[in-house]
């Protein structure tokens, strides 16, 4: 089985600017499962586990997709939580970009994956970068909330998404390992 997802890579300068947030979150590894900065990306579609034939077909056909949007400028800023700050399961930073263009891209990818029986998302697409997940059975302490407030309105930088990537993901005890399978540059 292959675990696949389609994503936009995050600029290295922004990754560097997020390192203080990573360092802060990493102090609470008993409560948080922090995402390694080298793994930061904007997920457009999580495909999930696929049989070998389906995974090979997706990889082969993905390379032939064409997107009519230009490279997408974006800004990374602030800290938020899903589903809310009172009982969060995910800590994230917002990605602000051209909503019309990102929605067109997501719709195109949804249409592509639908051919393989991949379920469409029923929630609206919210561009964000996952920084940490709250460990099962744990809750954020007041201390963690206060520490996150120091980054609440901070801007971490701006860049441009130049390409979209099909990744495979292998889960290991040390964390996920991502492999780029195919990439498509924007027009």
N, C-alpha and C. Protein backbone atom coordinates (compact mmCIF):
# COMPACT_ATOMS: atom_id res chain seq x y z
N UNK A 1 0.84 -1.20 0.00
CA UNK A 1 0.00 0.00 0.00
C UNK A 1 0.87 1.25 0.00
N UNK A 2 0.45 2.20 -0.78
CA UNK A 2 1.14 3.48 -0.82
C UNK A 2 0.23 4.56 -0.24
N UNK A 3 0.79 5.41 0.60
CA UNK A 3 0.06 6.52 1.23
C UNK A 3 0.44 7.77 0.46
N UNK A 4 -0.54 8.41 -0.20
CA UNK A 4 -0.26 9.53 -1.09
C UNK A 4 -0.97 10.81 -0.64
N UNK A 5 -0.36 11.95 -1.02
CA UNK A 5 -1.02 13.24 -0.85
C UNK A 5 -0.45 14.22 -1.86
N UNK A 6 -1.22 15.26 -2.15
CA UNK A 6 -0.82 16.31 -3.10
C UNK A 6 -0.68 17.60 -2.31
N UNK A 7 0.45 18.30 -2.51
CA UNK A 7 0.72 19.47 -1.67
C UNK A 7 1.55 20.51 -2.41
N UNK A 8 1.60 21.69 -1.80
CA UNK A 8 2.46 22.78 -2.25
C UNK A 8 3.61 22.91 -1.26
N UNK A 9 4.85 23.02 -1.76
CA UNK A 9 6.00 23.13 -0.85
C UNK A 9 6.11 24.53 -0.26
N UNK A 10 6.59 24.59 0.98
CA UNK A 10 6.77 25.87 1.67
C UNK A 10 8.20 26.38 1.43
N UNK A 11 8.31 27.66 1.18
CA UNK A 11 9.60 28.31 0.92
C UNK A 11 10.57 28.14 2.10
N UNK A 12 11.83 27.92 1.80
CA UNK A 12 12.85 27.69 2.84
C UNK A 12 12.99 28.88 3.79
N UNK A 13 12.87 30.10 3.27
CA UNK A 13 12.95 31.29 4.13
C UNK A 13 11.84 31.32 5.17
N UNK A 14 10.64 30.92 4.78
CA UNK A 14 9.53 30.87 5.71
C UNK A 14 9.75 29.77 6.74
N UNK A 15 10.27 28.63 6.30
CA UNK A 15 10.59 27.55 7.23
C UNK A 15 11.56 28.05 8.30
N UNK A 16 12.57 28.80 7.88
CA UNK A 16 13.53 29.35 8.84
C UNK A 16 12.85 30.32 9.80
N UNK A 17 11.93 31.14 9.29
CA UNK A 17 11.23 32.11 10.13
C UNK A 17 10.30 31.43 11.15
N UNK A 18 9.88 30.21 10.85
CA UNK A 18 9.00 29.46 11.76
C UNK A 18 9.77 28.67 12.81
N UNK A 19 11.10 28.65 12.74
CA UNK A 19 11.89 27.85 13.69
C UNK A 19 11.67 28.25 15.15
N UNK A 20 11.50 29.55 15.48
CA UNK A 20 11.21 29.88 16.88
C UNK A 20 9.88 29.27 17.37
N UNK A 21 8.89 29.19 16.50
CA UNK A 21 7.62 28.55 16.87
C UNK A 21 7.87 27.06 17.11
N UNK A 22 8.62 26.44 16.21
CA UNK A 22 8.95 25.02 16.36
C UNK A 22 9.69 24.78 17.68
N UNK A 23 10.67 25.64 17.99
CA UNK A 23 11.44 25.48 19.23
C UNK A 23 10.52 25.59 20.45
N UNK A 24 9.59 26.52 20.41
CA UNK A 24 8.65 26.69 21.52
C UNK A 24 7.76 25.46 21.66
N UNK A 25 7.16 25.02 20.55
CA UNK A 25 6.26 23.88 20.60
C UNK A 25 6.99 22.60 21.02
N UNK A 26 8.23 22.46 20.61
CA UNK A 26 9.01 21.25 20.92
C UNK A 26 9.26 21.07 22.41
N UNK A 27 9.16 22.15 23.18
CA UNK A 27 9.35 22.05 24.63
C UNK A 27 8.22 21.28 25.31
N UNK A 28 7.14 21.07 24.58
CA UNK A 28 5.96 20.44 25.17
C UNK A 28 5.64 19.12 24.48
N UNK A 29 6.67 18.30 24.25
CA UNK A 29 6.46 17.07 23.50
C UNK A 29 5.65 16.02 24.25
N UNK A 30 5.40 16.25 25.53
CA UNK A 30 4.51 15.34 26.26
C UNK A 30 3.04 15.61 25.91
N UNK A 31 2.76 16.81 25.40
CA UNK A 31 1.40 17.21 25.04
C UNK A 31 1.23 17.28 23.52
N UNK A 32 2.31 17.69 22.83
CA UNK A 32 2.22 17.96 21.40
C UNK A 32 3.08 17.00 20.56
N UNK A 33 2.56 16.66 19.40
CA UNK A 33 3.34 15.95 18.39
C UNK A 33 3.67 17.02 17.34
N UNK A 34 4.88 17.53 17.39
CA UNK A 34 5.28 18.67 16.58
C UNK A 34 5.74 18.20 15.20
N UNK A 35 5.37 18.94 14.17
CA UNK A 35 5.78 18.63 12.80
C UNK A 35 7.19 19.19 12.58
N UNK A 36 8.08 18.34 12.07
CA UNK A 36 9.44 18.78 11.75
C UNK A 36 9.39 19.83 10.64
N UNK A 37 10.12 20.94 10.77
CA UNK A 37 10.09 21.99 9.75
C UNK A 37 10.40 21.49 8.34
N UNK A 38 11.26 20.50 8.20
CA UNK A 38 11.59 19.99 6.86
C UNK A 38 10.38 19.33 6.19
N UNK A 39 9.33 19.05 6.95
CA UNK A 39 8.13 18.40 6.41
C UNK A 39 6.98 19.37 6.15
N UNK A 40 7.19 20.68 6.39
CA UNK A 40 6.13 21.66 6.19
C UNK A 40 5.68 21.68 4.73
N UNK A 41 4.36 21.72 4.54
CA UNK A 41 3.76 21.81 3.22
C UNK A 41 2.30 22.23 3.38
N UNK A 42 1.70 22.68 2.30
CA UNK A 42 0.27 22.99 2.27
C UNK A 42 -0.41 21.83 1.56
N UNK A 43 -1.11 21.00 2.32
CA UNK A 43 -1.82 19.85 1.73
C UNK A 43 -3.03 20.34 0.95
N UNK A 44 -3.10 19.95 -0.31
CA UNK A 44 -4.26 20.25 -1.14
C UNK A 44 -5.24 19.09 -1.14
N UNK A 45 -4.70 17.86 -1.09
CA UNK A 45 -5.55 16.68 -1.08
C UNK A 45 -4.79 15.52 -0.45
N UNK A 46 -5.34 14.99 0.64
CA UNK A 46 -4.81 13.77 1.22
C UNK A 46 -5.52 12.62 0.55
N UNK A 47 -4.80 11.80 -0.17
CA UNK A 47 -5.38 10.67 -0.90
C UNK A 47 -5.47 9.46 0.01
N UNK A 48 -4.43 9.22 0.80
CA UNK A 48 -4.42 8.10 1.72
C UNK A 48 -3.83 6.85 1.13
N UNK A 49 -4.15 5.73 1.74
CA UNK A 49 -3.60 4.43 1.33
C UNK A 49 -4.19 4.00 -0.01
N UNK A 50 -3.32 3.58 -0.93
CA UNK A 50 -3.74 3.12 -2.25
C UNK A 50 -3.04 1.81 -2.58
N UNK A 51 -3.77 0.90 -3.21
CA UNK A 51 -3.16 -0.32 -3.72
C UNK A 51 -2.11 0.05 -4.77
N UNK A 52 -1.15 -0.83 -5.00
CA UNK A 52 -0.07 -0.57 -5.94
C UNK A 52 -0.50 -0.12 -7.32
N UNK A 53 -1.50 -0.80 -7.92
CA UNK A 53 -1.94 -0.43 -9.26
C UNK A 53 -2.56 0.96 -9.29
N UNK A 54 -3.36 1.26 -8.28
CA UNK A 54 -4.00 2.58 -8.22
C UNK A 54 -2.94 3.65 -7.99
N UNK A 55 -2.02 3.41 -7.08
CA UNK A 55 -0.95 4.38 -6.80
C UNK A 55 -0.12 4.65 -8.06
N UNK A 56 0.22 3.60 -8.79
CA UNK A 56 1.00 3.78 -10.03
C UNK A 56 0.21 4.57 -11.07
N UNK A 57 -1.08 4.30 -11.18
CA UNK A 57 -1.92 5.03 -12.14
C UNK A 57 -2.02 6.51 -11.75
N UNK A 58 -2.21 6.78 -10.46
CA UNK A 58 -2.26 8.18 -10.00
C UNK A 58 -0.94 8.88 -10.30
N UNK A 59 0.17 8.23 -9.99
CA UNK A 59 1.48 8.84 -10.24
C UNK A 59 1.68 9.10 -11.72
N UNK A 60 1.34 8.14 -12.55
CA UNK A 60 1.52 8.28 -14.00
C UNK A 60 0.65 9.39 -14.57
N UNK A 61 -0.62 9.42 -14.17
CA UNK A 61 -1.53 10.40 -14.73
C UNK A 61 -1.34 11.79 -14.12
N UNK A 62 -0.87 11.85 -12.89
CA UNK A 62 -0.64 13.16 -12.25
C UNK A 62 0.32 13.99 -13.09
N UNK A 63 1.34 13.37 -13.63
CA UNK A 63 2.36 14.08 -14.41
C UNK A 63 1.76 14.75 -15.65
N UNK A 64 0.60 14.28 -16.11
CA UNK A 64 0.00 14.87 -17.32
C UNK A 64 -0.99 15.99 -17.00
N UNK A 65 -1.25 16.26 -15.72
CA UNK A 65 -2.16 17.35 -15.35
C UNK A 65 -1.55 18.69 -15.77
N UNK A 66 -2.41 19.61 -16.18
CA UNK A 66 -1.97 20.96 -16.53
C UNK A 66 -2.82 21.95 -15.74
N UNK A 67 -2.17 22.91 -15.13
CA UNK A 67 -2.86 23.93 -14.36
C UNK A 67 -2.71 25.26 -15.07
N UNK A 68 -3.79 26.01 -15.18
CA UNK A 68 -3.77 27.27 -15.91
C UNK A 68 -3.48 28.46 -15.01
N UNK A 69 -3.21 28.21 -13.75
CA UNK A 69 -2.93 29.33 -12.85
C UNK A 69 -1.42 29.64 -12.87
N UNK A 70 -1.07 30.91 -12.65
CA UNK A 70 0.35 31.26 -12.54
C UNK A 70 0.86 30.88 -11.15
N UNK A 71 2.18 30.98 -10.93
CA UNK A 71 2.69 30.76 -9.57
C UNK A 71 1.90 31.62 -8.58
N UNK A 72 1.59 31.03 -7.44
CA UNK A 72 0.72 31.67 -6.45
C UNK A 72 1.50 32.37 -5.34
N UNK A 73 1.40 33.69 -5.23
CA UNK A 73 2.01 34.36 -4.08
C UNK A 73 1.23 34.02 -2.81
N UNK A 74 1.94 33.96 -1.68
CA UNK A 74 1.28 33.67 -0.41
C UNK A 74 2.03 34.32 0.73
N UNK A 75 1.31 34.48 1.85
CA UNK A 75 1.85 35.03 3.09
C UNK A 75 1.51 34.04 4.20
N UNK A 76 2.47 33.77 5.08
CA UNK A 76 2.25 32.90 6.23
C UNK A 76 2.25 33.77 7.48
N UNK A 77 1.14 33.70 8.25
CA UNK A 77 1.08 34.53 9.44
C UNK A 77 0.07 34.03 10.45
N UNK A 78 0.28 34.40 11.67
CA UNK A 78 -0.57 34.14 12.82
C UNK A 78 -0.58 32.67 13.23
N UNK A 79 -1.15 32.41 14.38
CA UNK A 79 -1.28 31.05 14.91
C UNK A 79 -2.76 30.81 15.17
N UNK A 80 -3.24 29.64 14.78
CA UNK A 80 -4.63 29.28 15.02
C UNK A 80 -4.73 27.83 15.47
N UNK A 81 -5.95 27.41 15.75
CA UNK A 81 -6.18 26.05 16.23
C UNK A 81 -7.46 25.51 15.64
N UNK A 82 -7.44 24.23 15.28
CA UNK A 82 -8.64 23.52 14.84
C UNK A 82 -9.04 22.55 15.93
N UNK A 83 -10.28 22.32 16.22
CA UNK A 83 -11.43 23.04 15.69
C UNK A 83 -11.62 24.40 16.35
N UNK A 84 -11.02 24.60 17.55
CA UNK A 84 -11.10 25.90 18.23
C UNK A 84 -10.01 25.95 19.31
N UNK A 85 -9.83 27.12 19.92
CA UNK A 85 -8.75 27.27 20.91
C UNK A 85 -9.10 26.67 22.28
N UNK A 86 -10.36 26.40 22.55
CA UNK A 86 -10.75 25.82 23.84
C UNK A 86 -10.44 24.33 23.91
N UNK A 87 -10.60 23.63 22.79
CA UNK A 87 -10.37 22.19 22.76
C UNK A 87 -9.70 21.82 21.42
N UNK A 88 -8.47 22.28 21.21
CA UNK A 88 -7.85 22.08 19.90
C UNK A 88 -7.30 20.66 19.70
N UNK A 89 -7.23 20.28 18.44
CA UNK A 89 -6.55 19.04 18.08
C UNK A 89 -5.34 19.34 17.19
N UNK A 90 -5.33 20.54 16.56
CA UNK A 90 -4.25 20.93 15.65
C UNK A 90 -3.88 22.39 15.91
N UNK A 91 -2.58 22.67 15.89
CA UNK A 91 -2.07 24.05 15.94
C UNK A 91 -1.51 24.34 14.55
N UNK A 92 -1.88 25.48 13.99
CA UNK A 92 -1.51 25.79 12.63
C UNK A 92 -1.16 27.27 12.47
N UNK A 93 -0.58 27.59 11.32
CA UNK A 93 -0.38 28.98 10.92
C UNK A 93 -1.11 29.17 9.59
N UNK A 94 -1.70 30.34 9.42
CA UNK A 94 -2.52 30.61 8.24
C UNK A 94 -1.65 30.86 7.01
N UNK A 95 -2.17 30.43 5.88
CA UNK A 95 -1.56 30.74 4.59
C UNK A 95 -2.57 31.56 3.81
N UNK A 96 -2.21 32.82 3.57
CA UNK A 96 -3.09 33.71 2.81
C UNK A 96 -2.60 33.76 1.37
N UNK A 97 -3.51 33.50 0.45
CA UNK A 97 -3.18 33.50 -0.97
C UNK A 97 -4.43 33.88 -1.74
N UNK A 98 -4.33 33.93 -3.06
CA UNK A 98 -5.47 34.25 -3.90
C UNK A 98 -6.49 33.11 -3.76
N UNK A 99 -7.61 33.41 -3.10
CA UNK A 99 -8.59 32.37 -2.79
C UNK A 99 -9.19 31.76 -4.05
N UNK A 100 -9.43 32.57 -5.06
CA UNK A 100 -10.01 32.05 -6.31
C UNK A 100 -9.06 31.06 -6.96
N UNK A 101 -7.80 31.41 -7.05
CA UNK A 101 -6.81 30.53 -7.68
C UNK A 101 -6.61 29.24 -6.89
N UNK A 102 -6.51 29.34 -5.58
CA UNK A 102 -6.29 28.14 -4.76
C UNK A 102 -7.52 27.24 -4.83
N UNK A 103 -8.71 27.82 -4.86
CA UNK A 103 -9.92 27.01 -4.99
C UNK A 103 -9.99 26.31 -6.34
N UNK A 104 -9.57 26.99 -7.41
CA UNK A 104 -9.51 26.36 -8.74
C UNK A 104 -8.55 25.17 -8.72
N UNK A 105 -7.42 25.36 -8.09
CA UNK A 105 -6.42 24.30 -8.00
C UNK A 105 -6.97 23.10 -7.21
N UNK A 106 -7.58 23.37 -6.08
CA UNK A 106 -8.15 22.30 -5.25
C UNK A 106 -9.25 21.57 -6.01
N UNK A 107 -10.11 22.31 -6.71
CA UNK A 107 -11.19 21.68 -7.50
C UNK A 107 -10.62 20.78 -8.59
N UNK A 108 -9.60 21.25 -9.27
CA UNK A 108 -8.95 20.45 -10.32
C UNK A 108 -8.39 19.15 -9.73
N UNK A 109 -7.75 19.25 -8.59
CA UNK A 109 -7.17 18.06 -7.94
C UNK A 109 -8.27 17.13 -7.44
N UNK A 110 -9.35 17.70 -6.89
CA UNK A 110 -10.49 16.88 -6.44
C UNK A 110 -11.07 16.10 -7.63
N UNK A 111 -11.22 16.77 -8.78
CA UNK A 111 -11.74 16.10 -9.97
C UNK A 111 -10.81 14.99 -10.44
N UNK A 112 -9.52 15.24 -10.36
CA UNK A 112 -8.53 14.23 -10.74
C UNK A 112 -8.62 13.01 -9.83
N UNK A 113 -8.65 13.20 -8.53
CA UNK A 113 -8.63 12.07 -7.60
C UNK A 113 -9.98 11.34 -7.55
N UNK A 114 -11.05 12.04 -7.90
CA UNK A 114 -12.39 11.42 -7.92
C UNK A 114 -12.42 10.24 -8.89
N UNK A 115 -11.65 10.32 -9.97
CA UNK A 115 -11.60 9.24 -10.96
C UNK A 115 -11.08 7.94 -10.34
N UNK A 116 -10.37 8.05 -9.25
CA UNK A 116 -9.80 6.87 -8.59
C UNK A 116 -10.60 6.46 -7.35
N UNK A 117 -11.80 7.02 -7.24
CA UNK A 117 -12.66 6.66 -6.12
C UNK A 117 -12.30 7.33 -4.81
N UNK A 118 -11.48 8.39 -4.88
CA UNK A 118 -11.09 9.11 -3.67
C UNK A 118 -12.21 10.10 -3.32
N UNK A 119 -12.67 10.02 -2.10
CA UNK A 119 -13.78 10.85 -1.64
C UNK A 119 -13.42 12.33 -1.66
N UNK A 120 -14.39 13.14 -2.10
CA UNK A 120 -14.20 14.59 -2.07
C UNK A 120 -14.32 15.10 -0.64
N UNK A 121 -13.62 16.18 -0.36
CA UNK A 121 -13.74 16.82 0.95
C UNK A 121 -15.11 17.49 1.04
N UNK A 122 -15.73 17.40 2.20
CA UNK A 122 -17.02 18.07 2.36
C UNK A 122 -16.90 19.37 3.14
N UNK A 123 -15.68 19.68 3.59
CA UNK A 123 -15.43 20.95 4.28
C UNK A 123 -14.80 21.93 3.30
N UNK A 124 -15.05 23.23 3.50
CA UNK A 124 -14.37 24.21 2.65
C UNK A 124 -12.86 24.14 2.87
N UNK A 125 -12.09 24.42 1.83
CA UNK A 125 -10.63 24.38 1.92
C UNK A 125 -10.13 25.59 2.68
N UNK A 126 -9.35 25.36 3.73
CA UNK A 126 -8.75 26.43 4.53
C UNK A 126 -7.24 26.29 4.43
N UNK A 127 -6.57 27.16 3.66
CA UNK A 127 -5.12 27.05 3.52
C UNK A 127 -4.41 27.29 4.86
N UNK A 128 -3.67 26.29 5.30
CA UNK A 128 -2.94 26.40 6.56
C UNK A 128 -1.76 25.44 6.55
N UNK A 129 -0.86 25.69 7.46
CA UNK A 129 0.33 24.86 7.63
C UNK A 129 0.25 24.26 9.03
N UNK A 130 0.14 22.94 9.11
CA UNK A 130 0.06 22.28 10.41
C UNK A 130 1.42 22.33 11.10
N UNK A 131 1.44 22.86 12.33
CA UNK A 131 2.66 22.96 13.11
C UNK A 131 2.77 21.87 14.16
N UNK A 132 1.62 21.46 14.72
CA UNK A 132 1.62 20.42 15.76
C UNK A 132 0.21 19.86 15.91
N UNK A 133 0.16 18.64 16.43
CA UNK A 133 -1.10 18.01 16.79
C UNK A 133 -1.07 17.74 18.29
N UNK A 134 -2.23 17.87 18.92
CA UNK A 134 -2.31 17.58 20.34
C UNK A 134 -2.39 16.06 20.49
N UNK A 135 -1.56 15.52 21.36
CA UNK A 135 -1.54 14.06 21.56
C UNK A 135 -2.87 13.58 22.13
N UNK A 136 -3.23 12.39 21.72
CA UNK A 136 -4.50 11.79 22.16
C UNK A 136 -4.57 11.76 23.70
N UNK A 137 -5.70 12.24 24.21
CA UNK A 137 -5.90 12.23 25.65
C UNK A 137 -5.24 13.39 26.38
N UNK A 138 -4.59 14.29 25.66
CA UNK A 138 -3.90 15.44 26.28
C UNK A 138 -4.64 16.72 25.96
N UNK A 139 -4.38 17.74 26.74
CA UNK A 139 -4.97 19.07 26.53
C UNK A 139 -3.88 20.12 26.63
N UNK A 140 -4.08 21.23 25.89
CA UNK A 140 -3.13 22.34 25.98
C UNK A 140 -3.24 22.98 27.35
N UNK A 141 -2.11 23.25 27.95
CA UNK A 141 -2.10 23.92 29.24
C UNK A 141 -2.19 25.43 29.03
N UNK A 142 -2.47 26.13 30.09
CA UNK A 142 -2.51 27.60 30.04
C UNK A 142 -1.13 28.13 29.65
N UNK A 143 -0.07 27.48 30.12
CA UNK A 143 1.30 27.89 29.78
C UNK A 143 1.53 27.83 28.27
N UNK A 144 1.10 26.74 27.65
CA UNK A 144 1.28 26.62 26.19
C UNK A 144 0.47 27.69 25.48
N UNK A 145 -0.77 27.89 25.91
CA UNK A 145 -1.60 28.94 25.29
C UNK A 145 -0.90 30.30 25.37
N UNK A 146 -0.34 30.63 26.54
CA UNK A 146 0.35 31.92 26.71
C UNK A 146 1.58 32.02 25.82
N UNK A 147 2.34 30.93 25.72
CA UNK A 147 3.54 30.94 24.86
C UNK A 147 3.14 31.14 23.39
N UNK A 148 2.04 30.52 22.97
CA UNK A 148 1.59 30.68 21.58
C UNK A 148 1.11 32.09 21.29
N UNK A 149 0.62 32.78 22.32
CA UNK A 149 0.16 34.16 22.14
C UNK A 149 1.27 35.08 21.64
N UNK A 150 2.53 34.76 21.95
CA UNK A 150 3.63 35.61 21.48
C UNK A 150 3.76 35.57 19.96
N UNK A 151 3.19 34.53 19.33
CA UNK A 151 3.25 34.41 17.86
C UNK A 151 1.90 34.67 17.20
N UNK A 152 0.89 34.99 18.00
CA UNK A 152 -0.50 35.03 17.53
C UNK A 152 -0.70 35.88 16.28
N UNK A 153 -0.05 37.02 16.20
CA UNK A 153 -0.28 37.90 15.05
C UNK A 153 0.99 38.09 14.21
N UNK A 154 1.99 37.31 14.45
CA UNK A 154 3.27 37.46 13.75
C UNK A 154 3.16 37.03 12.28
N UNK A 155 3.85 37.76 11.41
CA UNK A 155 3.97 37.36 10.01
C UNK A 155 5.31 36.64 9.86
N UNK A 156 5.28 35.47 9.21
CA UNK A 156 6.47 34.64 9.07
C UNK A 156 7.10 34.73 7.70
N UNK A 157 6.50 35.52 6.83
CA UNK A 157 7.11 35.75 5.52
C UNK A 157 6.14 35.54 4.37
N UNK A 158 6.63 35.92 3.18
CA UNK A 158 5.85 35.74 1.97
C UNK A 158 6.74 35.12 0.91
N UNK A 159 6.12 34.42 0.00
CA UNK A 159 6.85 33.74 -1.08
C UNK A 159 5.83 33.41 -2.18
N UNK A 160 6.23 32.54 -3.08
CA UNK A 160 5.37 32.11 -4.18
C UNK A 160 5.42 30.60 -4.28
N UNK A 161 4.24 29.99 -4.46
CA UNK A 161 4.19 28.56 -4.74
C UNK A 161 4.47 28.38 -6.23
N UNK A 162 5.61 27.78 -6.59
CA UNK A 162 5.93 27.62 -8.01
C UNK A 162 5.45 26.30 -8.62
N UNK A 163 5.07 25.34 -7.74
CA UNK A 163 4.76 24.00 -8.25
C UNK A 163 3.87 23.26 -7.28
N UNK A 164 3.27 22.20 -7.77
CA UNK A 164 2.47 21.30 -6.96
C UNK A 164 3.12 19.92 -7.04
N UNK A 165 3.09 19.18 -5.93
CA UNK A 165 3.84 17.92 -5.84
C UNK A 165 2.93 16.79 -5.36
N UNK A 166 3.10 15.62 -5.99
CA UNK A 166 2.51 14.38 -5.51
C UNK A 166 3.55 13.70 -4.64
N UNK A 167 3.20 13.48 -3.37
CA UNK A 167 4.10 12.86 -2.41
C UNK A 167 3.62 11.46 -2.03
N UNK A 168 4.57 10.60 -1.67
CA UNK A 168 4.22 9.39 -0.92
C UNK A 168 4.69 9.64 0.51
N UNK A 169 4.02 9.00 1.44
CA UNK A 169 4.34 9.18 2.85
C UNK A 169 4.46 7.81 3.49
N UNK A 170 5.58 7.59 4.15
CA UNK A 170 5.78 6.35 4.88
C UNK A 170 5.85 6.70 6.36
N UNK A 171 5.00 6.07 7.15
CA UNK A 171 4.99 6.33 8.59
C UNK A 171 6.03 5.44 9.26
N UNK A 172 6.87 6.06 10.09
CA UNK A 172 7.89 5.32 10.83
C UNK A 172 7.79 5.74 12.30
N UNK A 173 8.38 4.98 13.21
CA UNK A 173 8.36 5.37 14.63
C UNK A 173 9.01 6.74 14.87
N UNK A 174 9.94 7.15 14.00
CA UNK A 174 10.61 8.44 14.14
C UNK A 174 9.80 9.58 13.49
N UNK A 175 8.70 9.26 12.83
CA UNK A 175 7.90 10.26 12.14
C UNK A 175 7.76 9.89 10.68
N UNK A 176 6.94 10.66 9.93
CA UNK A 176 6.73 10.34 8.53
C UNK A 176 7.96 10.67 7.68
N UNK A 177 8.10 9.92 6.59
CA UNK A 177 9.14 10.18 5.59
C UNK A 177 8.40 10.46 4.28
N UNK A 178 8.61 11.66 3.71
CA UNK A 178 7.94 12.05 2.48
C UNK A 178 8.89 11.90 1.30
N UNK A 179 8.36 11.38 0.20
CA UNK A 179 9.12 11.24 -1.03
C UNK A 179 8.35 11.92 -2.15
N UNK A 180 9.03 12.82 -2.87
CA UNK A 180 8.40 13.47 -4.03
C UNK A 180 8.34 12.46 -5.17
N UNK A 181 7.13 12.20 -5.68
CA UNK A 181 6.95 11.27 -6.78
C UNK A 181 6.88 11.99 -8.12
N UNK A 182 6.11 13.07 -8.15
CA UNK A 182 5.94 13.87 -9.38
C UNK A 182 5.77 15.33 -8.98
N UNK A 183 6.18 16.23 -9.86
CA UNK A 183 5.92 17.65 -9.62
C UNK A 183 5.48 18.29 -10.92
N UNK A 184 4.64 19.30 -10.78
CA UNK A 184 4.16 20.06 -11.93
C UNK A 184 4.41 21.52 -11.63
N UNK A 185 5.15 22.19 -12.50
CA UNK A 185 5.39 23.63 -12.36
C UNK A 185 4.17 24.39 -12.87
N UNK A 186 3.83 25.49 -12.20
CA UNK A 186 2.72 26.32 -12.66
C UNK A 186 3.15 27.09 -13.89
N UNK A 187 2.15 27.51 -14.70
CA UNK A 187 2.42 28.21 -15.96
C UNK A 187 3.23 29.46 -15.74
